[in-house]
Protein backbone atom coordinates (compact mmCIF):
# COMPACT_ATOMS: atom_id res chain seq x y z
CA MET A 1 -38.17 -3.13 8.38
CA HIS A 2 -37.89 -4.92 5.05
CA PRO A 3 -34.30 -6.24 4.50
CA PHE A 4 -33.97 -4.24 1.27
CA LEU A 5 -34.93 -1.00 3.04
CA ALA A 6 -32.52 -1.79 5.87
CA ARG A 7 -29.76 -2.31 3.33
CA LEU A 8 -30.71 0.91 1.55
CA GLU A 9 -30.60 2.78 4.84
CA LEU A 10 -27.03 1.55 5.38
CA LEU A 11 -26.05 2.62 1.89
CA VAL A 12 -27.20 6.23 2.30
CA VAL A 13 -25.67 6.87 5.73
CA THR A 14 -22.54 8.29 4.09
CA ASP A 15 -23.16 10.82 1.35
CA PRO A 16 -20.62 10.31 -1.48
CA PHE A 17 -20.23 14.09 -1.65
CA ASP A 18 -18.57 13.87 1.76
CA LEU A 19 -15.66 12.11 0.05
CA LEU A 20 -14.94 15.09 -2.21
CA ASP A 21 -12.44 17.86 -1.57
CA GLN A 22 -10.34 20.15 -3.73
CA TRP A 23 -7.92 17.35 -4.60
CA GLY A 24 -10.57 14.89 -5.74
CA PRO A 25 -11.86 12.30 -6.31
CA GLU A 26 -12.43 13.18 -9.94
CA LYS A 27 -14.69 10.18 -10.45
CA ILE A 28 -16.43 7.54 -8.32
CA VAL A 29 -17.97 4.71 -10.34
CA LEU A 30 -20.24 2.21 -8.56
CA VAL A 31 -21.03 -0.92 -10.58
CA SER A 32 -23.10 -4.06 -10.07
CA ASP A 33 -24.21 -7.14 -11.95
CA ARG A 34 -27.38 -9.07 -11.08
CA ARG A 35 -26.29 -12.30 -12.73
CA SER A 36 -22.98 -12.78 -10.90
CA GLY A 37 -23.83 -10.75 -7.80
CA MET A 38 -20.83 -8.49 -8.44
CA ARG A 39 -20.71 -5.18 -6.60
CA GLY A 40 -17.70 -2.94 -6.99
CA VAL A 41 -16.31 0.55 -7.12
CA LEU A 42 -13.63 2.50 -8.95
CA VAL A 43 -12.30 5.73 -7.44
CA ILE A 44 -10.15 7.94 -9.66
CA ASP A 45 -8.75 10.48 -7.23
CA ASN A 46 -6.41 12.88 -9.05
CA THR A 47 -4.89 12.53 -12.52
CA ALA A 48 -3.05 15.85 -12.77
CA ARG A 49 0.25 13.95 -13.11
CA GLY A 50 -1.01 11.13 -15.33
CA LEU A 51 -3.24 8.10 -15.84
CA GLY A 52 -5.05 6.76 -12.78
CA LYS A 53 -3.15 3.78 -11.38
CA GLY A 54 -3.58 1.76 -8.22
CA GLY A 55 -4.32 -1.78 -7.18
CA THR A 56 -7.64 -3.63 -7.38
CA ARG A 57 -8.73 -5.43 -4.22
CA MET A 58 -11.46 -7.88 -3.26
CA SER A 59 -12.79 -8.10 0.28
CA PRO A 60 -16.05 -9.12 1.99
CA THR A 61 -15.88 -5.97 4.13
CA LEU A 62 -14.98 -3.47 1.39
CA THR A 63 -16.43 0.05 1.59
CA VAL A 64 -16.45 2.97 -0.83
CA GLY A 65 -14.76 5.11 1.81
CA GLU A 66 -11.95 2.59 2.18
CA VAL A 67 -11.31 2.60 -1.58
CA ALA A 68 -11.43 6.41 -1.67
CA ARG A 69 -8.84 6.63 1.14
CA LEU A 70 -6.56 4.23 -0.69
CA ALA A 71 -6.99 6.11 -3.97
CA ARG A 72 -5.87 9.31 -2.22
CA THR A 73 -2.88 7.45 -0.80
CA MET A 74 -1.97 6.45 -4.36
CA THR A 75 -2.09 10.10 -5.44
CA TRP A 76 0.50 10.96 -2.81
CA LYS A 77 2.52 7.79 -3.38
CA TRP A 78 3.04 8.41 -7.12
CA ALA A 79 3.97 12.04 -6.47
CA ALA A 80 6.28 11.22 -3.56
CA VAL A 81 8.24 8.77 -5.72
CA ASP A 82 8.07 11.36 -8.53
CA LEU A 83 6.58 9.02 -11.13
CA PHE A 84 3.97 10.38 -13.49
CA HIS A 85 0.75 8.56 -12.74
CA GLY A 86 -2.35 9.68 -10.88
CA GLY A 87 -3.99 8.15 -7.83
CA ALA A 88 -6.80 5.62 -8.25
CA LYS A 89 -8.07 2.42 -6.66
CA ALA A 90 -10.72 -0.19 -7.41
CA GLY A 91 -12.44 -2.75 -5.25
CA ILE A 92 -14.92 -5.59 -5.35
CA LEU A 93 -17.18 -6.42 -2.41
CA GLY A 94 -16.98 -10.19 -2.00
CA ASP A 95 -15.03 -13.20 -0.78
CA PRO A 96 -11.84 -13.69 -2.83
CA ARG A 97 -11.98 -17.39 -1.95
CA GLY A 98 -15.60 -17.76 -3.08
CA PRO A 99 -16.60 -20.23 -5.82
CA GLY A 100 -17.91 -17.57 -8.21
CA LYS A 101 -14.82 -15.38 -8.21
CA GLU A 102 -14.04 -15.62 -11.92
CA SER A 103 -17.55 -14.64 -13.02
CA VAL A 104 -17.45 -11.69 -10.59
CA LEU A 105 -14.08 -10.53 -11.96
CA ARG A 106 -15.31 -10.78 -15.53
CA ALA A 107 -18.47 -8.82 -14.70
CA PHE A 108 -16.38 -6.16 -12.95
CA ALA A 109 -14.12 -5.78 -15.99
CA ARG A 110 -17.10 -5.47 -18.36
CA ALA A 111 -18.77 -2.90 -16.14
CA LEU A 112 -15.69 -0.66 -16.19
CA ALA A 113 -14.94 -1.02 -19.91
CA ASN A 114 -15.62 2.70 -20.43
CA GLU A 115 -12.90 3.64 -17.92
CA VAL A 116 -10.38 0.82 -18.48
CA PRO A 117 -7.74 1.24 -19.84
CA SER A 118 -8.27 4.87 -20.98
CA GLU A 119 -8.61 6.28 -17.43
CA TYR A 120 -7.57 3.44 -15.13
CA VAL A 121 -5.45 0.30 -15.33
CA PHE A 122 -6.23 -2.69 -13.09
CA GLY A 123 -3.51 -3.94 -10.75
CA LEU A 124 -3.06 -6.40 -7.91
CA ASP A 125 -4.02 -5.75 -4.31
CA MET A 126 -5.50 -7.71 -1.42
CA GLY A 127 -7.50 -10.72 -2.58
CA LEU A 128 -6.24 -10.76 -6.18
CA ALA A 129 -3.33 -12.61 -7.79
CA GLU A 130 -1.64 -12.89 -11.20
CA GLU A 131 -4.26 -15.29 -12.56
CA ASP A 132 -6.94 -12.70 -11.75
CA ALA A 133 -5.11 -10.03 -13.76
CA ALA A 134 -5.07 -12.51 -16.64
CA ILE A 135 -8.88 -12.81 -16.37
CA PHE A 136 -9.24 -9.03 -16.74
CA VAL A 137 -7.07 -9.15 -19.87
CA ASP A 138 -9.03 -12.04 -21.34
CA GLU A 139 -12.44 -10.53 -20.64
CA LEU A 140 -11.63 -7.20 -22.31
CA ASN A 141 -9.29 -8.81 -24.87
CA ASP A 142 -6.66 -6.15 -24.27
CA ARG A 143 -3.17 -6.65 -22.77
CA GLY A 144 -3.21 -3.05 -21.63
CA VAL A 145 -6.05 -3.29 -19.10
CA SER A 146 -3.97 -4.68 -16.22
CA THR A 147 -0.54 -4.89 -14.69
CA GLY A 148 0.50 -7.75 -12.44
CA LEU A 149 0.19 -10.32 -15.21
CA PRO A 150 1.92 -13.71 -15.00
CA ARG A 151 5.27 -14.04 -16.74
CA THR A 152 3.66 -16.16 -19.48
CA LEU A 153 1.69 -13.07 -20.53
CA GLY A 154 4.69 -10.75 -20.35
CA GLY A 155 4.23 -9.59 -16.77
CA LEU A 156 6.65 -9.11 -13.90
CA PRO A 157 6.15 -11.49 -10.96
CA TYR A 158 5.78 -8.84 -8.20
CA ASP A 159 5.40 -11.27 -5.30
CA GLN A 160 8.11 -13.62 -6.51
CA LEU A 161 10.55 -10.73 -6.88
CA GLY A 162 9.53 -9.31 -3.50
CA VAL A 163 9.90 -5.72 -4.68
CA THR A 164 7.61 -4.07 -2.13
CA GLY A 165 9.14 -5.85 0.85
CA PHE A 166 12.64 -5.15 -0.49
CA GLY A 167 11.76 -1.46 -0.58
CA VAL A 168 10.38 -1.55 2.96
CA ALA A 169 13.70 -2.98 4.17
CA GLU A 170 15.69 -0.35 2.26
CA ALA A 171 13.57 2.41 3.79
CA THR A 172 14.08 0.84 7.22
CA ASP A 173 17.85 0.88 6.78
CA ALA A 174 17.86 4.50 5.59
CA ALA A 175 15.68 5.60 8.52
CA ALA A 176 17.78 3.67 11.05
CA GLN A 177 20.91 5.42 9.85
CA LEU A 178 19.23 8.81 10.21
CA ILE A 179 18.17 8.22 13.82
CA ASP A 180 21.51 6.60 14.76
CA LEU A 181 20.02 3.14 15.20
CA ASP A 182 22.45 0.42 14.18
CA LEU A 183 20.35 -1.96 12.11
CA ARG A 184 22.92 -4.71 12.52
CA GLY A 185 21.65 -6.58 15.55
CA ALA A 186 18.49 -4.48 15.87
CA GLN A 187 15.39 -6.47 16.86
CA VAL A 188 12.54 -6.28 14.35
CA ALA A 189 8.87 -7.32 14.54
CA ILE A 190 6.89 -7.77 11.32
CA GLN A 191 3.10 -7.82 11.44
CA GLY A 192 1.91 -9.73 8.38
CA PHE A 193 3.96 -12.42 6.66
CA GLY A 194 2.54 -12.24 3.17
CA ALA A 195 4.56 -11.23 0.12
CA VAL A 196 5.62 -7.90 1.67
CA GLY A 197 6.50 -9.25 5.11
CA ARG A 198 8.44 -12.22 3.77
CA ALA A 199 10.53 -10.15 1.36
CA ALA A 200 11.18 -7.50 4.02
CA ALA A 201 12.33 -10.17 6.48
CA GLU A 202 14.70 -11.66 3.92
CA ARG A 203 16.30 -8.32 3.02
CA LEU A 204 16.51 -7.17 6.66
CA HIS A 205 18.30 -10.41 7.52
CA GLU A 206 20.79 -9.65 4.74
CA LEU A 207 21.30 -6.18 6.23
CA GLY A 208 22.10 -7.68 9.63
CA ALA A 209 18.83 -7.07 11.47
CA VAL A 210 17.37 -9.77 13.74
CA VAL A 211 13.72 -10.60 13.02
CA VAL A 212 12.41 -11.67 16.41
CA ALA A 213 8.64 -11.63 15.84
CA VAL A 214 6.31 -12.41 12.95
CA SER A 215 2.51 -12.58 12.83
CA THR A 216 -0.13 -13.78 10.38
CA ALA A 217 -3.91 -14.07 10.54
CA THR A 218 -3.37 -17.37 12.41
CA GLY A 219 -1.22 -15.98 15.24
CA TRP A 220 2.36 -15.02 15.96
CA ALA A 221 5.79 -16.38 16.83
CA TYR A 222 8.45 -14.68 18.97
CA ASP A 223 12.06 -15.51 19.79
CA PRO A 224 14.28 -12.81 21.34
CA GLU A 225 17.31 -14.60 19.91
CA GLY A 226 15.88 -14.32 16.39
CA LEU A 227 13.60 -16.38 14.18
CA ASP A 228 14.93 -18.30 11.20
CA PRO A 229 13.79 -16.29 8.11
CA ALA A 230 14.62 -19.12 5.70
CA GLY A 231 12.70 -21.62 7.81
CA LEU A 232 9.69 -19.32 8.03
CA GLN A 233 9.82 -18.73 4.28
CA ALA A 234 9.75 -22.47 3.63
CA ALA A 235 6.92 -22.95 6.11
CA ALA A 236 4.93 -20.09 4.54
CA ALA A 237 5.30 -21.64 1.08
CA GLU A 238 3.79 -24.86 2.40
CA LEU A 239 1.39 -23.71 5.10
CA GLY A 240 0.53 -20.08 4.27
CA ASP A 241 -0.67 -18.18 7.36
CA ASP A 242 -0.20 -21.30 9.48
CA CYS A 243 3.58 -21.02 9.06
CA VAL A 244 3.88 -19.46 12.52
CA THR A 245 2.39 -22.59 14.13
CA VAL A 246 5.61 -24.56 13.52
CA HIS A 247 7.54 -22.40 16.00
CA PRO A 248 7.50 -23.51 19.68
CA SER A 249 6.50 -19.99 20.79
CA PHE A 250 3.34 -19.91 18.65
CA SER A 251 0.39 -18.03 20.13
CA PRO A 252 -2.96 -17.37 18.44
CA SER A 253 -3.01 -13.81 19.84
CA ALA A 254 -1.53 -12.17 16.76
CA GLN A 255 -2.21 -8.66 18.07
CA ASP A 256 0.33 -9.21 20.87
CA LEU A 257 3.15 -8.81 18.34
CA LEU A 258 2.50 -5.06 18.31
CA SER A 259 3.58 -4.77 21.95
CA ALA A 260 6.65 -7.03 21.70
CA PRO A 261 9.94 -5.49 22.98
CA VAL A 262 11.68 -4.52 19.73
CA ASP A 263 13.71 -1.73 18.15
CA VAL A 264 11.82 -1.68 14.84
CA LEU A 265 8.12 -2.36 14.22
CA ILE A 266 6.91 -3.02 10.68
CA PRO A 267 3.09 -3.20 10.36
CA ALA A 268 2.64 -4.94 7.01
CA ALA A 269 -0.87 -6.35 7.33
CA ARG A 270 -3.94 -4.09 7.10
CA GLU A 271 -5.22 -0.57 7.73
CA ASP A 272 -5.57 0.91 11.22
CA THR A 273 -3.79 -1.86 13.14
CA VAL A 274 -1.49 0.49 15.07
CA GLY A 275 -3.79 2.43 17.38
CA VAL A 276 -3.39 4.61 20.43
CA ASP A 277 -2.68 1.75 22.85
CA VAL A 278 0.09 0.37 20.66
CA ALA A 279 1.58 3.83 20.13
CA ARG A 280 1.79 4.36 23.87
CA ALA A 281 3.18 0.92 24.67
CA THR A 282 5.66 0.09 21.90
CA THR A 283 9.36 0.06 22.71
CA ALA A 284 10.25 0.56 19.04
CA ARG A 285 12.35 3.57 18.10
CA LEU A 286 11.31 3.17 14.49
CA VAL A 287 8.00 2.24 12.85
CA VAL A 288 8.02 1.52 9.11
CA GLU A 289 4.61 1.26 7.48
CA GLY A 290 4.70 -1.73 5.16
CA ALA A 291 0.91 -1.84 4.76
CA ASN A 292 -1.29 0.97 3.48
CA LEU A 293 -2.59 3.21 6.29
CA PRO A 294 -1.68 0.86 9.16
CA THR A 295 -1.36 3.65 11.75
CA THR A 296 -4.27 5.78 12.93
CA GLU A 297 -3.87 9.55 13.06
CA PRO A 298 -4.06 9.75 16.90
CA ALA A 299 -1.42 7.01 17.08
CA ARG A 300 0.85 8.95 14.71
CA GLN A 301 0.62 12.00 16.96
CA ILE A 302 1.49 9.95 20.05
CA LEU A 303 4.46 8.30 18.34
CA HIS A 304 5.70 11.69 17.17
CA SER A 305 5.41 13.15 20.68
CA ARG A 306 7.40 10.18 22.02
CA GLY A 307 10.18 10.72 19.48
CA VAL A 308 9.45 7.50 17.57
CA ALA A 309 10.33 7.90 13.89
CA VAL A 310 7.60 6.69 11.51
CA VAL A 311 8.28 6.11 7.81
CA PRO A 312 4.88 6.66 6.11
CA ASP A 313 3.31 3.97 3.97
CA PHE A 314 3.52 5.79 0.66
CA ILE A 315 7.24 6.32 1.20
CA ALA A 316 8.14 2.90 2.64
CA ASN A 317 6.06 0.57 0.49
CA ALA A 318 6.47 2.35 -2.83
CA GLY A 319 8.72 -0.38 -4.27
CA GLY A 320 5.70 -2.02 -5.84
CA ILE A 321 4.69 1.06 -7.75
CA VAL A 322 8.16 1.43 -9.24
CA VAL A 323 7.59 -2.00 -10.79
CA ALA A 324 4.00 -1.05 -11.64
CA ALA A 325 5.29 1.99 -13.51
CA HIS A 326 7.64 -0.20 -15.56
CA SER A 327 4.82 -2.70 -16.18
CA THR A 328 2.34 0.01 -17.17
CA ASP A 329 4.83 1.47 -19.60
CA ALA A 330 5.48 -1.96 -21.16
CA ARG A 331 1.87 -3.19 -21.39
CA TYR A 332 1.85 -3.25 -25.21
CA SER A 333 5.52 -4.02 -25.70
CA PRO A 334 6.56 -7.40 -27.16
CA PHE A 335 9.61 -7.30 -24.89
CA VAL A 336 9.60 -8.53 -21.28
CA VAL A 337 10.71 -6.02 -18.65
CA GLU A 338 13.94 -7.26 -17.08
CA PRO A 339 14.07 -6.77 -13.30
CA ALA A 340 17.84 -6.25 -13.07
CA GLY A 341 17.81 -2.46 -12.82
CA ILE A 342 14.52 -2.21 -10.92
CA PHE A 343 15.97 -3.07 -7.51
CA THR A 344 18.62 -0.37 -7.85
CA MET A 345 15.94 2.20 -8.71
CA ILE A 346 13.78 1.10 -5.78
CA SER A 347 16.70 1.37 -3.37
CA ASP A 348 17.80 4.79 -4.63
CA LYS A 349 14.31 6.33 -4.66
CA LEU A 350 13.09 4.93 -1.35
CA ARG A 351 16.29 5.61 0.57
CA GLY A 352 16.42 9.16 -0.75
CA ASN A 353 12.76 9.87 -0.03
CA THR A 354 12.95 8.34 3.46
CA ALA A 355 15.91 10.51 4.42
CA ARG A 356 14.33 13.64 2.95
CA VAL A 357 11.00 13.15 4.73
CA LEU A 358 12.52 12.39 8.14
CA GLN A 359 14.96 15.29 7.88
CA ASP A 360 12.10 17.65 6.94
CA SER A 361 10.01 16.28 9.81
CA ILE A 362 12.78 17.06 12.30
CA ALA A 363 13.52 20.49 10.83
CA ARG A 364 9.88 21.62 10.79
CA GLY A 365 8.64 19.83 13.89
CA VAL A 366 5.86 18.01 12.02
CA THR A 367 5.08 14.32 11.78
CA PRO A 368 6.91 12.41 9.05
CA ARG A 369 3.57 11.71 7.38
CA GLN A 370 2.81 15.43 7.20
CA ALA A 371 6.26 16.10 5.77
CA ALA A 372 5.70 13.36 3.17
CA ILE A 373 2.24 14.65 2.29
CA ASP A 374 3.59 18.18 1.88
CA LEU A 375 6.27 16.91 -0.49
CA ALA A 376 3.72 14.98 -2.55
CA GLN A 377 1.06 17.70 -2.47
CA LEU A 378 3.39 20.36 -3.80
CA ARG A 379 4.32 18.14 -6.74
CA VAL A 380 0.64 17.48 -7.47
CA LEU A 381 -0.15 21.19 -7.10
CA ASP A 382 2.53 22.13 -9.60
CA ALA A 383 0.99 19.71 -12.09
CA MET A 384 -2.53 21.02 -11.41
CA ALA A 385 -1.36 24.61 -11.86
CA ALA A 386 0.41 23.76 -15.11
CA ARG A 387 -2.87 22.33 -16.42
CA GLY A 388 -4.87 25.47 -15.63
CA PHE A 389 -6.09 24.80 -12.11
CA ARG A 390 -7.84 27.84 -10.57
CA PRO A 391 -5.15 30.17 -9.13
CA ASP A 392 -7.21 31.05 -6.01
CA LEU A 393 -7.61 27.39 -5.07
CA ASP A 394 -3.96 26.76 -5.93
CA HIS A 395 -2.90 29.41 -3.41
CA GLU A 396 -5.32 28.06 -0.79
CA LEU A 397 -4.08 24.49 -1.15
CA ARG A 398 -0.44 25.57 -0.98
CA GLN A 399 -1.19 27.34 2.30
CA GLN A 400 -2.91 24.22 3.61
CA SER A 401 0.05 22.05 2.62
CA GLY A 402 2.37 24.14 4.76
CA ALA A 403 4.51 25.73 2.05
CA LEU A 404 4.14 28.05 -0.91
CA VAL A 405 7.16 26.99 -2.88
CA PRO A 406 7.86 23.74 -4.73
CA ALA A 407 9.69 21.07 -2.74
């Protein structure tokens, strides 16, 4: 078979209509550019509560389905935190370390000029950094097309502030209190030591937890007496993913972290890393999802049946979107957003939501993720109904979400 036809066959295996349901997506935009080789997608899932907002990622294995799943997660995440944006996500198929990255980013921005910033605002996700957000702004000559800008362009330094990881740690503390797990002295494993994992480790150390295991793409390190968070931070600044190699316990088998004997497991790397085998084997009493969609559905069911509390991703890692909301609001302002009050808001919102979701999970006998989705769905439904959504579908979706009254 001709390579083009083989590629075409792969492209049509999944019908885009299979991605649609009564929640969305409202729009799927596939774009390409022959000159730069850019191929990308924008998925605007549901904007009943406001402008589509979600990060923009770049990956050599990106799929439309992956972006659609993440866009739906953003719909629930905004609603769960009760901030008025809609769910969306964008992605570029390509190597973020490739030599032609800037030309690809510029082509992607031009291709979505009809949607950005009127329907969607770029943000930072896997494979993109502050300098990439600046390229989007420069290409479209509009400060309002992206959040995640460097401080020199009026942005908030998300990674430097560590807002998402801080929120993950706050959610961990709130959940531990609810299940009578003393976080002081509790052993914690963190899969992924990027911006989220590092900030979570730092805050958990402040709260008295003992981080005993950390993994990166290079491998993992484990010390039952506790790793040195400050030392790992310094090593990560210098060596990146190789930071774990400086510890005497280093092993290249990063996946082994997920079965380490710990009280708290924080998957903060990629999607679908916690599967059935991990769910059956883990000693953790608490799993806090620092990454987006790190736990498979069968694994969630097993953890729930074992009595392991799981704080869902769009509850635990919502600290970043609190900052994104501030940044989106201030895109055209001449004043820089000051981070002083942001940490207090992140702590209050994430602790409150974590407690509410876990309490509802226990009371109703459903998984914490289902309880969180029900909370978010009812908020989205109320917005859809207020905007004239069909009453028969409104009633049907409320039945599906497990409740007929607002949360």
